[in-house]
Amino acid sequence: PIIKEIKKRQIDQDANDLEPLFELENQLHTPVVPEDVLQPRNTWADKAAYDQEIENLVMLFQKNFSAFETKVNPEICEAGPR
């Protein structure tokens, strides 16, 4: 459903939230998708566990990407999670 909304331009482009570690924009509101699904942290009963898991995911991403850092443009390295 969200893809159809995007194609029809029914999504409010200003209603976004920035996920701080991955710097991904999350849509806050759509007519057909429940808001808790749009915010991944809200799908977890234990918010502290979510926070810990996303920090672990960032660490794993950085560790994996380190093998490619010397092979890509610096801009690509800067675009990764912090």
C-alpha atoms as a PDB file:
ATOM      1  CA  PRO A   1       0.000   0.000   0.000  1.00  0.00           C
ATOM      2  CA  ILE A   2       2.727   2.547   0.791  1.00  0.00           C
ATOM      3  CA  ILE A   3       4.294   2.132  -2.658  1.00  0.00           C
ATOM      4  CA  LYS A   4       0.942   2.940  -4.271  1.00  0.00           C
ATOM      5  CA  GLU A   5       0.698   6.053  -2.088  1.00  0.00           C
ATOM      6  CA  ILE A   6       4.154   7.158  -3.139  1.00  0.00           C
ATOM      7  CA  LYS A   7       3.291   6.683  -6.802  1.00  0.00           C
ATOM      8  CA  LYS A   8       0.069   8.644  -6.346  1.00  0.00           C
ATOM      9  CA  ARG A   9       1.962  11.280  -4.299  1.00  0.00           C
ATOM     10  CA  GLN A  10      -0.439  10.863  -1.396  1.00  0.00           C
ATOM     11  CA  ILE A  11       2.349  10.933   1.167  1.00  0.00           C
ATOM     12  CA  ASP A  12       3.131  14.109   3.059  1.00  0.00           C
ATOM     13  CA  GLN A  13       6.756  14.782   2.170  1.00  0.00           C
ATOM     14  CA  ASP A  14       7.224  16.879   5.308  1.00  0.00           C
ATOM     15  CA  ALA A  15       5.969  14.213   7.710  1.00  0.00           C
ATOM     16  CA  ASN A  16       9.259  12.387   8.153  1.00  0.00           C
ATOM     17  CA  ASP A  17      11.369  11.424  11.113  1.00  0.00           C
ATOM     18  CA  LEU A  18      15.119  10.880  10.869  1.00  0.00           C
ATOM     19  CA  GLU A  19      16.494   7.686  12.377  1.00  0.00           C
ATOM     20  CA  PRO A  20      19.693   9.042  13.958  1.00  0.00           C
ATOM     21  CA  LEU A  21      22.123   6.127  13.646  1.00  0.00           C
ATOM     22  CA  PHE A  22      21.419   5.114  10.059  1.00  0.00           C
ATOM     23  CA  GLU A  23      20.172   8.564   9.042  1.00  0.00           C
ATOM     24  CA  LEU A  24      17.165   7.054   7.291  1.00  0.00           C
ATOM     25  CA  GLU A  25      13.958   8.993   6.882  1.00  0.00           C
ATOM     26  CA  ASN A  26      10.863   7.265   8.228  1.00  0.00           C
ATOM     27  CA  GLN A  27       7.443   8.351   7.080  1.00  0.00           C
ATOM     28  CA  LEU A  28       5.307   9.394  10.065  1.00  0.00           C
ATOM     29  CA  HIS A  29       1.817   9.261   8.555  1.00  0.00           C
ATOM     30  CA  THR A  30       0.074   7.557   5.671  1.00  0.00           C
ATOM     31  CA  PRO A  31      -3.629   6.938   5.111  1.00  0.00           C
ATOM     32  CA  VAL A  32      -3.311   3.141   4.874  1.00  0.00           C
ATOM     33  CA  VAL A  33      -0.343   2.032   6.996  1.00  0.00           C
ATOM     34  CA  PRO A  34      -0.598   1.999  10.807  1.00  0.00           C
ATOM     35  CA  GLU A  35       1.763   4.555  12.350  1.00  0.00           C
ATOM     36  CA  ASP A  36       3.379   2.068  14.731  1.00  0.00           C
ATOM     37  CA  VAL A  37       4.556   0.036  11.730  1.00  0.00           C
ATOM     38  CA  LEU A  38       6.141   3.111  10.166  1.00  0.00           C
ATOM     39  CA  GLN A  39       8.319   3.621  13.232  1.00  0.00           C
ATOM     40  CA  PRO A  40      10.356   0.423  13.736  1.00  0.00           C
ATOM     41  CA  ARG A  41      11.084   1.156  17.410  1.00  0.00           C
ATOM     42  CA  ASN A  42       7.354   1.232  18.114  1.00  0.00           C
ATOM     43  CA  THR A  43       6.980  -2.366  16.959  1.00  0.00           C
ATOM     44  CA  TRP A  44       9.103  -3.576  19.878  1.00  0.00           C
ATOM     45  CA  ALA A  45       7.518  -4.079  23.288  1.00  0.00           C
ATOM     46  CA  ASP A  46      10.925  -3.582  24.926  1.00  0.00           C
ATOM     47  CA  LYS A  47      12.252  -0.233  23.679  1.00  0.00           C
ATOM     48  CA  ALA A  48      15.579  -0.682  25.489  1.00  0.00           C
ATOM     49  CA  ALA A  49      16.094  -3.996  23.691  1.00  0.00           C
ATOM     50  CA  TYR A  50      15.393  -2.271  20.368  1.00  0.00           C
ATOM     51  CA  ASP A  51      17.917   0.458  21.178  1.00  0.00           C
ATOM     52  CA  GLN A  52      20.528  -2.133  22.115  1.00  0.00           C
ATOM     53  CA  GLU A  53      19.849  -4.178  18.987  1.00  0.00           C
ATOM     54  CA  ILE A  54      20.089  -1.204  16.628  1.00  0.00           C
ATOM     55  CA  GLU A  55      23.405  -0.193  18.206  1.00  0.00           C
ATOM     56  CA  ASN A  56      24.605  -3.767  17.686  1.00  0.00           C
ATOM     57  CA  LEU A  57      23.440  -3.621  14.068  1.00  0.00           C
ATOM     58  CA  VAL A  58      25.413  -0.404  13.536  1.00  0.00           C
ATOM     59  CA  MET A  59      28.520  -2.056  14.975  1.00  0.00           C
ATOM     60  CA  LEU A  60      28.088  -5.091  12.696  1.00  0.00           C
ATOM     61  CA  PHE A  61      27.528  -2.861   9.678  1.00  0.00           C
ATOM     62  CA  GLN A  62      30.658  -0.819  10.425  1.00  0.00           C
ATOM     63  CA  LYS A  63      32.741  -3.942  11.007  1.00  0.00           C
ATOM     64  CA  ASN A  64      31.578  -5.507   7.746  1.00  0.00           C
ATOM     65  CA  PHE A  65      32.034  -2.306   5.740  1.00  0.00           C
ATOM     66  CA  SER A  66      35.582  -1.751   7.028  1.00  0.00           C
ATOM     67  CA  ALA A  67      36.783  -4.273   4.425  1.00  0.00           C
ATOM     68  CA  PHE A  68      35.616  -1.912   1.671  1.00  0.00           C
ATOM     69  CA  GLU A  69      36.652   1.482   3.073  1.00  0.00           C
ATOM     70  CA  THR A  70      39.838   1.707   1.018  1.00  0.00           C
ATOM     71  CA  LYS A  71      38.030   0.652  -2.160  1.00  0.00           C
ATOM     72  CA  VAL A  72      35.237   3.224  -2.272  1.00  0.00           C
ATOM     73  CA  ASN A  73      34.932   7.004  -2.381  1.00  0.00           C
ATOM     74  CA  PRO A  74      35.087   8.760   1.002  1.00  0.00           C
ATOM     75  CA  GLU A  75      31.557  10.069   0.433  1.00  0.00           C
ATOM     76  CA  ILE A  76      30.264   6.519   0.500  1.00  0.00           C
ATOM     77  CA  CYS A  77      32.065   5.850   3.771  1.00  0.00           C
ATOM     78  CA  GLU A  78      30.532   8.990   5.261  1.00  0.00           C
ATOM     79  CA  ALA A  79      27.045   7.832   4.292  1.00  0.00           C
ATOM     80  CA  GLY A  80      27.157   4.821   6.588  1.00  0.00           C
ATOM     81  CA  PRO A  81      25.716   4.551  10.074  1.00  0.00           C
ATOM     82  CA  ARG A  82      27.368   6.406  12.933  1.00  0.00           C
END
